[in-house]
Amino acid sequence: MTYETTPKQEQAIRDWLQEAIVPLIEQVLVKKLGQAMSFAAEQVVEPKRKPLTDEQIMEMYNEPRSDAEMIEFARAIEAAHGIKGDE
């Protein structure tokens, strides 16, 4: 047995879906999106970085005497801050 709907019944079903079901779906989507964004934010948090100790600075500084040594010292500072050049 098949049931044929009239255009008026089809429109009533569409209206009901629009009014009752769509808002529920939207609420679930908004909630899930919020949860996903919170999770992503937790995963992307930068690690806390500690300042270098005086000993670490002195070890890296190593009394540069040339341009090459000064560049090496600057690169060591960059590396300590997580800055990497082209590889």
PDB file of N, CA and C in Angstrom:
ATOM      1  N   MET A   1       0.838  -1.169   0.000  1.00  0.00           N
ATOM      2  CA  MET A   1       0.000   0.000   0.000  1.00  0.00           C
ATOM      3  C   MET A   1       0.891   1.243   0.000  1.00  0.00           C
ATOM      4  N   THR A   2       0.663   2.109  -0.911  1.00  0.00           N
ATOM      5  CA  THR A   2       1.417   3.354  -0.978  1.00  0.00           C
ATOM      6  C   THR A   2       0.504   4.509  -0.608  1.00  0.00           C
ATOM      7  N   TYR A   3       1.140   5.508  -0.087  1.00  0.00           N
ATOM      8  CA  TYR A   3       0.372   6.667   0.339  1.00  0.00           C
ATOM      9  C   TYR A   3       0.862   7.867  -0.452  1.00  0.00           C
ATOM     10  N   GLU A   4      -0.019   8.522  -1.131  1.00  0.00           N
ATOM     11  CA  GLU A   4       0.305   9.711  -1.911  1.00  0.00           C
ATOM     12  C   GLU A   4      -0.033  10.947  -1.083  1.00  0.00           C
ATOM     13  N   THR A   5       0.907  11.852  -0.993  1.00  0.00           N
ATOM     14  CA  THR A   5       0.633  13.096  -0.271  1.00  0.00           C
ATOM     15  C   THR A   5       0.199  14.168  -1.256  1.00  0.00           C
ATOM     16  N   THR A   6      -0.628  15.019  -0.768  1.00  0.00           N
ATOM     17  CA  THR A   6      -1.065  16.142  -1.596  1.00  0.00           C
ATOM     18  C   THR A   6      -0.030  17.250  -1.484  1.00  0.00           C
ATOM     19  N   PRO A   7      -0.006  18.170  -2.422  1.00  0.00           N
ATOM     20  CA  PRO A   7       0.923  19.300  -2.317  1.00  0.00           C
ATOM     21  C   PRO A   7       0.753  20.064  -1.009  1.00  0.00           C
ATOM     22  N   LYS A   8      -0.484  20.179  -0.543  1.00  0.00           N
ATOM     23  CA  LYS A   8      -0.730  20.878   0.723  1.00  0.00           C
ATOM     24  C   LYS A   8      -0.109  20.114   1.894  1.00  0.00           C
ATOM     25  N   GLN A   9      -0.208  18.797   1.890  1.00  0.00           N
ATOM     26  CA  GLN A   9       0.397  17.972   2.955  1.00  0.00           C
ATOM     27  C   GLN A   9       1.922  18.053   2.899  1.00  0.00           C
ATOM     28  N   GLU A  10       2.448  18.001   1.687  1.00  0.00           N
ATOM     29  CA  GLU A  10       3.909  18.119   1.536  1.00  0.00           C
ATOM     30  C   GLU A  10       4.409  19.451   2.075  1.00  0.00           C
ATOM     31  N   GLN A  11       3.669  20.513   1.789  1.00  0.00           N
ATOM     32  CA  GLN A  11       4.064  21.827   2.290  1.00  0.00           C
ATOM     33  C   GLN A  11       3.969  21.877   3.809  1.00  0.00           C
ATOM     34  N   ALA A  12       2.956  21.248   4.367  1.00  0.00           N
ATOM     35  CA  ALA A  12       2.797  21.209   5.826  1.00  0.00           C
ATOM     36  C   ALA A  12       3.965  20.462   6.464  1.00  0.00           C
ATOM     37  N   ILE A  13       4.398  19.366   5.847  1.00  0.00           N
ATOM     38  CA  ILE A  13       5.549  18.607   6.358  1.00  0.00           C
ATOM     39  C   ILE A  13       6.813  19.456   6.275  1.00  0.00           C
ATOM     40  N   ARG A  14       7.007  20.131   5.137  1.00  0.00           N
ATOM     41  CA  ARG A  14       8.187  20.998   4.986  1.00  0.00           C
ATOM     42  C   ARG A  14       8.189  22.106   6.042  1.00  0.00           C
ATOM     43  N   ASP A  15       7.025  22.720   6.230  1.00  0.00           N
ATOM     44  CA  ASP A  15       6.919  23.792   7.229  1.00  0.00           C
ATOM     45  C   ASP A  15       7.249  23.264   8.623  1.00  0.00           C
ATOM     46  N   TRP A  16       6.712  22.098   8.959  1.00  0.00           N
ATOM     47  CA  TRP A  16       6.971  21.517  10.268  1.00  0.00           C
ATOM     48  C   TRP A  16       8.463  21.227  10.445  1.00  0.00           C
ATOM     49  N   LEU A  17       9.086  20.638   9.418  1.00  0.00           N
ATOM     50  CA  LEU A  17      10.520  20.354   9.488  1.00  0.00           C
ATOM     51  C   LEU A  17      11.314  21.633   9.691  1.00  0.00           C
ATOM     52  N   GLN A  18      10.937  22.653   8.949  1.00  0.00           N
ATOM     53  CA  GLN A  18      11.643  23.929   9.050  1.00  0.00           C
ATOM     54  C   GLN A  18      11.507  24.524  10.448  1.00  0.00           C
ATOM     55  N   GLU A  19      10.330  24.435  11.015  1.00  0.00           N
ATOM     56  CA  GLU A  19      10.066  25.053  12.313  1.00  0.00           C
ATOM     57  C   GLU A  19      10.551  24.217  13.494  1.00  0.00           C
ATOM     58  N   ALA A  20      10.482  22.913  13.394  1.00  0.00           N
ATOM     59  CA  ALA A  20      10.769  22.054  14.546  1.00  0.00           C
ATOM     60  C   ALA A  20      12.131  21.381  14.485  1.00  0.00           C
ATOM     61  N   ILE A  21      12.470  20.839  13.354  1.00  0.00           N
ATOM     62  CA  ILE A  21      13.671  20.020  13.264  1.00  0.00           C
ATOM     63  C   ILE A  21      14.928  20.848  12.977  1.00  0.00           C
ATOM     64  N   VAL A  22      14.849  21.780  12.050  1.00  0.00           N
ATOM     65  CA  VAL A  22      16.024  22.558  11.661  1.00  0.00           C
ATOM     66  C   VAL A  22      16.642  23.287  12.855  1.00  0.00           C
ATOM     67  N   PRO A  23      15.853  23.962  13.720  1.00  0.00           N
ATOM     68  CA  PRO A  23      16.474  24.603  14.884  1.00  0.00           C
ATOM     69  C   PRO A  23      17.207  23.617  15.807  1.00  0.00           C
ATOM     70  N   LEU A  24      16.658  22.415  15.948  1.00  0.00           N
ATOM     71  CA  LEU A  24      17.331  21.404  16.775  1.00  0.00           C
ATOM     72  C   LEU A  24      18.666  21.002  16.155  1.00  0.00           C
ATOM     73  N   ILE A  25      18.668  20.822  14.861  1.00  0.00           N
ATOM     74  CA  ILE A  25      19.912  20.468  14.160  1.00  0.00           C
ATOM     75  C   ILE A  25      20.922  21.596  14.314  1.00  0.00           C
ATOM     76  N   GLU A  26      20.473  22.841  14.173  1.00  0.00           N
ATOM     77  CA  GLU A  26      21.364  23.981  14.309  1.00  0.00           C
ATOM     78  C   GLU A  26      21.964  24.046  15.717  1.00  0.00           C
ATOM     79  N   GLN A  27      21.144  23.774  16.733  1.00  0.00           N
ATOM     80  CA  GLN A  27      21.639  23.792  18.113  1.00  0.00           C
ATOM     81  C   GLN A  27      22.729  22.744  18.311  1.00  0.00           C
ATOM     82  N   VAL A  28      22.509  21.564  17.783  1.00  0.00           N
ATOM     83  CA  VAL A  28      23.501  20.494  17.912  1.00  0.00           C
ATOM     84  C   VAL A  28      24.781  20.881  17.177  1.00  0.00           C
ATOM     85  N   LEU A  29      24.643  21.425  15.974  1.00  0.00           N
ATOM     86  CA  LEU A  29      25.819  21.821  15.204  1.00  0.00           C
ATOM     87  C   LEU A  29      26.614  22.911  15.919  1.00  0.00           C
ATOM     88  N   VAL A  30      25.921  23.904  16.473  1.00  0.00           N
ATOM     89  CA  VAL A  30      26.600  24.980  17.192  1.00  0.00           C
ATOM     90  C   VAL A  30      27.335  24.419  18.409  1.00  0.00           C
ATOM     91  N   LYS A  31      26.678  23.513  19.143  1.00  0.00           N
ATOM     92  CA  LYS A  31      27.308  22.911  20.324  1.00  0.00           C
ATOM     93  C   LYS A  31      28.549  22.112  19.925  1.00  0.00           C
ATOM     94  N   LYS A  32      28.418  21.294  18.890  1.00  0.00           N
ATOM     95  CA  LYS A  32      29.550  20.472  18.458  1.00  0.00           C
ATOM     96  C   LYS A  32      30.682  21.333  17.909  1.00  0.00           C
ATOM     97  N   LEU A  33      30.352  22.395  17.197  1.00  0.00           N
ATOM     98  CA  LEU A  33      31.380  23.300  16.691  1.00  0.00           C
ATOM     99  C   LEU A  33      32.117  23.960  17.842  1.00  0.00           C
ATOM    100  N   GLY A  34      31.377  24.374  18.858  1.00  0.00           N
ATOM    101  CA  GLY A  34      32.008  24.971  20.043  1.00  0.00           C
ATOM    102  C   GLY A  34      32.940  23.987  20.734  1.00  0.00           C
ATOM    103  N   GLN A  35      32.510  22.737  20.846  1.00  0.00           N
ATOM    104  CA  GLN A  35      33.356  21.712  21.464  1.00  0.00           C
ATOM    105  C   GLN A  35      34.616  21.482  20.636  1.00  0.00           C
ATOM    106  N   ALA A  36      34.462  21.437  19.315  1.00  0.00           N
ATOM    107  CA  ALA A  36      35.610  21.219  18.437  1.00  0.00           C
ATOM    108  C   ALA A  36      36.593  22.384  18.537  1.00  0.00           C
ATOM    109  N   MET A  37      36.069  23.601  18.606  1.00  0.00           N
ATOM    110  CA  MET A  37      36.951  24.773  18.704  1.00  0.00           C
ATOM    111  C   MET A  37      37.682  24.791  20.047  1.00  0.00           C
ATOM    112  N   SER A  38      37.004  24.417  21.115  1.00  0.00           N
ATOM    113  CA  SER A  38      37.649  24.354  22.433  1.00  0.00           C
ATOM    114  C   SER A  38      38.755  23.306  22.439  1.00  0.00           C
ATOM    115  N   PHE A  39      38.467  22.152  21.864  1.00  0.00           N
ATOM    116  CA  PHE A  39      39.466  21.088  21.793  1.00  0.00           C
ATOM    117  C   PHE A  39      40.670  21.548  20.987  1.00  0.00           C
ATOM    118  N   ALA A  40      40.420  22.169  19.837  1.00  0.00           N
ATOM    119  CA  ALA A  40      41.512  22.645  18.987  1.00  0.00           C
ATOM    120  C   ALA A  40      42.353  23.693  19.717  1.00  0.00           C
ATOM    121  N   ALA A  41      41.697  24.588  20.442  1.00  0.00           N
ATOM    122  CA  ALA A  41      42.423  25.627  21.181  1.00  0.00           C
ATOM    123  C   ALA A  41      43.323  25.008  22.242  1.00  0.00           C
ATOM    124  N   GLU A  42      42.852  23.969  22.903  1.00  0.00           N
ATOM    125  CA  GLU A  42      43.659  23.286  23.920  1.00  0.00           C
ATOM    126  C   GLU A  42      44.878  22.615  23.298  1.00  0.00           C
ATOM    127  N   GLN A  43      44.719  22.095  22.099  1.00  0.00           N
ATOM    128  CA  GLN A  43      45.812  21.373  21.443  1.00  0.00           C
ATOM    129  C   GLN A  43      46.854  22.313  20.855  1.00  0.00           C
ATOM    130  N   VAL A  44      46.491  23.562  20.607  1.00  0.00           N
ATOM    131  CA  VAL A  44      47.372  24.487  19.925  1.00  0.00           C
ATOM    132  C   VAL A  44      48.083  25.417  20.909  1.00  0.00           C
ATOM    133  N   VAL A  45      47.830  25.290  22.170  1.00  0.00           N
ATOM    134  CA  VAL A  45      48.426  26.169  23.166  1.00  0.00           C
ATOM    135  C   VAL A  45      49.950  26.088  23.091  1.00  0.00           C
ATOM    136  N   GLU A  46      50.548  27.253  23.025  1.00  0.00           N
ATOM    137  CA  GLU A  46      52.009  27.323  22.989  1.00  0.00           C
ATOM    138  C   GLU A  46      52.578  26.864  24.338  1.00  0.00           C
ATOM    139  N   PRO A  47      53.671  26.152  24.299  1.00  0.00           N
ATOM    140  CA  PRO A  47      54.288  25.752  25.568  1.00  0.00           C
ATOM    141  C   PRO A  47      54.862  26.975  26.280  1.00  0.00           C
ATOM    142  N   LYS A  48      54.841  26.923  27.593  1.00  0.00           N
ATOM    143  CA  LYS A  48      55.448  28.020  28.356  1.00  0.00           C
ATOM    144  C   LYS A  48      56.953  27.941  28.180  1.00  0.00           C
ATOM    145  N   ARG A  49      57.536  29.068  27.906  1.00  0.00           N
ATOM    146  CA  ARG A  49      58.983  29.130  27.714  1.00  0.00           C
ATOM    147  C   ARG A  49      59.604  29.830  28.896  1.00  0.00           C
ATOM    148  N   LYS A  50      60.759  29.350  29.294  1.00  0.00           N
ATOM    149  CA  LYS A  50      61.476  29.935  30.413  1.00  0.00           C
ATOM    150  C   LYS A  50      62.631  30.771  29.872  1.00  0.00           C
ATOM    151  N   PRO A  51      62.952  31.851  30.567  1.00  0.00           N
ATOM    152  CA  PRO A  51      64.105  32.642  30.138  1.00  0.00           C
ATOM    153  C   PRO A  51      65.391  31.811  30.274  1.00  0.00           C
ATOM    154  N   LEU A  52      66.356  32.157  29.470  1.00  0.00           N
ATOM    155  CA  LEU A  52      67.656  31.493  29.568  1.00  0.00           C
ATOM    156  C   LEU A  52      68.328  31.880  30.882  1.00  0.00           C
ATOM    157  N   THR A  53      69.087  30.973  31.421  1.00  0.00           N
ATOM    158  CA  THR A  53      69.853  31.298  32.623  1.00  0.00           C
ATOM    159  C   THR A  53      71.072  32.116  32.213  1.00  0.00           C
ATOM    160  N   ASP A  54      71.682  32.767  33.191  1.00  0.00           N
ATOM    161  CA  ASP A  54      72.906  33.525  32.889  1.00  0.00           C
ATOM    162  C   ASP A  54      73.971  32.600  32.311  1.00  0.00           C
ATOM    163  N   GLU A  55      74.045  31.393  32.838  1.00  0.00           N
ATOM    164  CA  GLU A  55      75.040  30.442  32.350  1.00  0.00           C
ATOM    165  C   GLU A  55      74.789  30.074  30.890  1.00  0.00           C
ATOM    166  N   GLN A  56      73.507  29.874  30.527  1.00  0.00           N
ATOM    167  CA  GLN A  56      73.177  29.552  29.137  1.00  0.00           C
ATOM    168  C   GLN A  56      73.541  30.709  28.207  1.00  0.00           C
ATOM    169  N   ILE A  57      73.287  31.922  28.664  1.00  0.00           N
ATOM    170  CA  ILE A  57      73.634  33.087  27.845  1.00  0.00           C
ATOM    171  C   ILE A  57      75.140  33.165  27.655  1.00  0.00           C
ATOM    172  N   MET A  58      75.882  32.997  28.733  1.00  0.00           N
ATOM    173  CA  MET A  58      77.345  33.074  28.632  1.00  0.00           C
ATOM    174  C   MET A  58      77.889  31.957  27.739  1.00  0.00           C
ATOM    175  N   GLU A  59      77.304  30.760  27.835  1.00  0.00           N
ATOM    176  CA  GLU A  59      77.744  29.645  27.005  1.00  0.00           C
ATOM    177  C   GLU A  59      77.497  29.937  25.521  1.00  0.00           C
ATOM    178  N   MET A  60      76.358  30.531  25.226  1.00  0.00           N
ATOM    179  CA  MET A  60      76.054  30.843  23.831  1.00  0.00           C
ATOM    180  C   MET A  60      76.869  32.035  23.333  1.00  0.00           C
ATOM    181  N   TYR A  61      77.068  33.014  24.205  1.00  0.00           N
ATOM    182  CA  TYR A  61      77.757  34.232  23.790  1.00  0.00           C
ATOM    183  C   TYR A  61      79.200  33.942  23.411  1.00  0.00           C
ATOM    184  N   ASN A  62      79.889  33.262  24.304  1.00  0.00           N
ATOM    185  CA  ASN A  62      81.247  32.807  24.037  1.00  0.00           C
ATOM    186  C   ASN A  62      82.142  33.897  23.450  1.00  0.00           C
ATOM    187  N   GLU A  63      81.972  35.116  23.890  1.00  0.00           N
ATOM    188  CA  GLU A  63      82.772  36.269  23.462  1.00  0.00           C
ATOM    189  C   GLU A  63      83.031  36.287  21.956  1.00  0.00           C
ATOM    190  N   PRO A  64      82.017  36.599  21.166  1.00  0.00           N
ATOM    191  CA  PRO A  64      82.208  36.630  19.715  1.00  0.00           C
ATOM    192  C   PRO A  64      83.307  37.621  19.324  1.00  0.00           C
ATOM    193  N   ARG A  65      84.145  37.199  18.394  1.00  0.00           N
ATOM    194  CA  ARG A  65      85.248  38.053  17.943  1.00  0.00           C
ATOM    195  C   ARG A  65      85.157  38.369  16.460  1.00  0.00           C
ATOM    196  N   SER A  66      84.223  37.729  15.756  1.00  0.00           N
ATOM    197  CA  SER A  66      84.108  37.982  14.324  1.00  0.00           C
ATOM    198  C   SER A  66      82.639  38.073  13.940  1.00  0.00           C
ATOM    199  N   ASP A  67      82.396  38.528  12.709  1.00  0.00           N
ATOM    200  CA  ASP A  67      81.023  38.601  12.218  1.00  0.00           C
ATOM    201  C   ASP A  67      80.380  37.217  12.218  1.00  0.00           C
ATOM    202  N   ALA A  68      81.117  36.217  11.800  1.00  0.00           N
ATOM    203  CA  ALA A  68      80.590  34.851  11.755  1.00  0.00           C
ATOM    204  C   ALA A  68      80.179  34.386  13.149  1.00  0.00           C
ATOM    205  N   GLU A  69      80.990  34.709  14.141  1.00  0.00           N
ATOM    206  CA  GLU A  69      80.659  34.306  15.514  1.00  0.00           C
ATOM    207  C   GLU A  69      79.427  35.060  16.015  1.00  0.00           C
ATOM    208  N   MET A  70      79.301  36.348  15.647  1.00  0.00           N
ATOM    209  CA  MET A  70      78.149  37.125  16.074  1.00  0.00           C
ATOM    210  C   MET A  70      76.879  36.551  15.431  1.00  0.00           C
ATOM    211  N   ILE A  71      76.965  36.160  14.155  1.00  0.00           N
ATOM    212  CA  ILE A  71      75.813  35.544  13.494  1.00  0.00           C
ATOM    213  C   ILE A  71      75.473  34.224  14.163  1.00  0.00           C
ATOM    214  N   GLU A  72      76.477  33.447  14.505  1.00  0.00           N
ATOM    215  CA  GLU A  72      76.246  32.169  15.191  1.00  0.00           C
ATOM    216  C   GLU A  72      75.547  32.405  16.530  1.00  0.00           C
ATOM    217  N   PHE A  73      75.979  33.448  17.241  1.00  0.00           N
ATOM    218  CA  PHE A  73      75.362  33.795  18.518  1.00  0.00           C
ATOM    219  C   PHE A  73      73.897  34.190  18.318  1.00  0.00           C
ATOM    220  N   ALA A  74      73.635  35.007  17.304  1.00  0.00           N
ATOM    221  CA  ALA A  74      72.260  35.432  17.024  1.00  0.00           C
ATOM    222  C   ALA A  74      71.395  34.230  16.652  1.00  0.00           C
ATOM    223  N   ARG A  75      71.946  33.308  15.869  1.00  0.00           N
ATOM    224  CA  ARG A  75      71.187  32.112  15.486  1.00  0.00           C
ATOM    225  C   ARG A  75      70.888  31.246  16.704  1.00  0.00           C
ATOM    226  N   ALA A  76      71.791  31.199  17.668  1.00  0.00           N
ATOM    227  CA  ALA A  76      71.564  30.434  18.895  1.00  0.00           C
ATOM    228  C   ALA A  76      70.413  31.044  19.693  1.00  0.00           C
ATOM    229  N   ILE A  77      70.344  32.387  19.703  1.00  0.00           N
ATOM    230  CA  ILE A  77      69.238  33.049  20.394  1.00  0.00           C
ATOM    231  C   ILE A  77      67.922  32.719  19.687  1.00  0.00           C
ATOM    232  N   GLU A  78      67.936  32.797  18.355  1.00  0.00           N
ATOM    233  CA  GLU A  78      66.729  32.452  17.602  1.00  0.00           C
ATOM    234  C   GLU A  78      66.288  31.022  17.899  1.00  0.00           C
ATOM    235  N   ALA A  79      67.232  30.107  17.904  1.00  0.00           N
ATOM    236  CA  ALA A  79      66.913  28.697  18.166  1.00  0.00           C
ATOM    237  C   ALA A  79      66.317  28.522  19.560  1.00  0.00           C
ATOM    238  N   ALA A  80      66.838  29.270  20.529  1.00  0.00           N
ATOM    239  CA  ALA A  80      66.314  29.176  21.894  1.00  0.00           C
ATOM    240  C   ALA A  80      64.873  29.664  21.966  1.00  0.00           C
ATOM    241  N   HIS A  81      64.471  30.500  21.014  1.00  0.00           N
ATOM    242  CA  HIS A  81      63.103  31.004  20.967  1.00  0.00           C
ATOM    243  C   HIS A  81      62.234  30.214  19.989  1.00  0.00           C
ATOM    244  N   GLY A  82      62.759  29.107  19.494  1.00  0.00           N
ATOM    245  CA  GLY A  82      61.975  28.263  18.599  1.00  0.00           C
ATOM    246  C   GLY A  82      61.913  28.777  17.178  1.00  0.00           C
ATOM    247  N   ILE A  83      62.783  29.710  16.831  1.00  0.00           N
ATOM    248  CA  ILE A  83      62.797  30.283  15.492  1.00  0.00           C
ATOM    249  C   ILE A  83      63.783  29.483  14.656  1.00  0.00           C
ATOM    250  N   LYS A  84      63.276  28.968  13.536  1.00  0.00           N
ATOM    251  CA  LYS A  84      64.122  28.163  12.663  1.00  0.00           C
ATOM    252  C   LYS A  84      64.180  28.817  11.295  1.00  0.00           C
ATOM    253  N   GLY A  85      65.318  28.725  10.652  1.00  0.00           N
ATOM    254  CA  GLY A  85      65.471  29.263   9.312  1.00  0.00           C
ATOM    255  C   GLY A  85      65.011  28.270   8.268  1.00  0.00           C
ATOM    256  N   ASP A  86      65.176  28.638   7.002  1.00  0.00           N
ATOM    257  CA  ASP A  86      64.830  27.720   5.918  1.00  0.00           C
ATOM    258  C   ASP A  86      65.723  26.511   6.001  1.00  0.00           C
ATOM    259  N   GLU A  87      65.086  25.356   5.823  1.00  0.00           N
ATOM    260  CA  GLU A  87      65.853  24.113   5.883  1.00  0.00           C
ATOM    261  C   GLU A  87      65.903  23.447   4.554  1.00  0.00           C
TER     262      GLU A  87
END
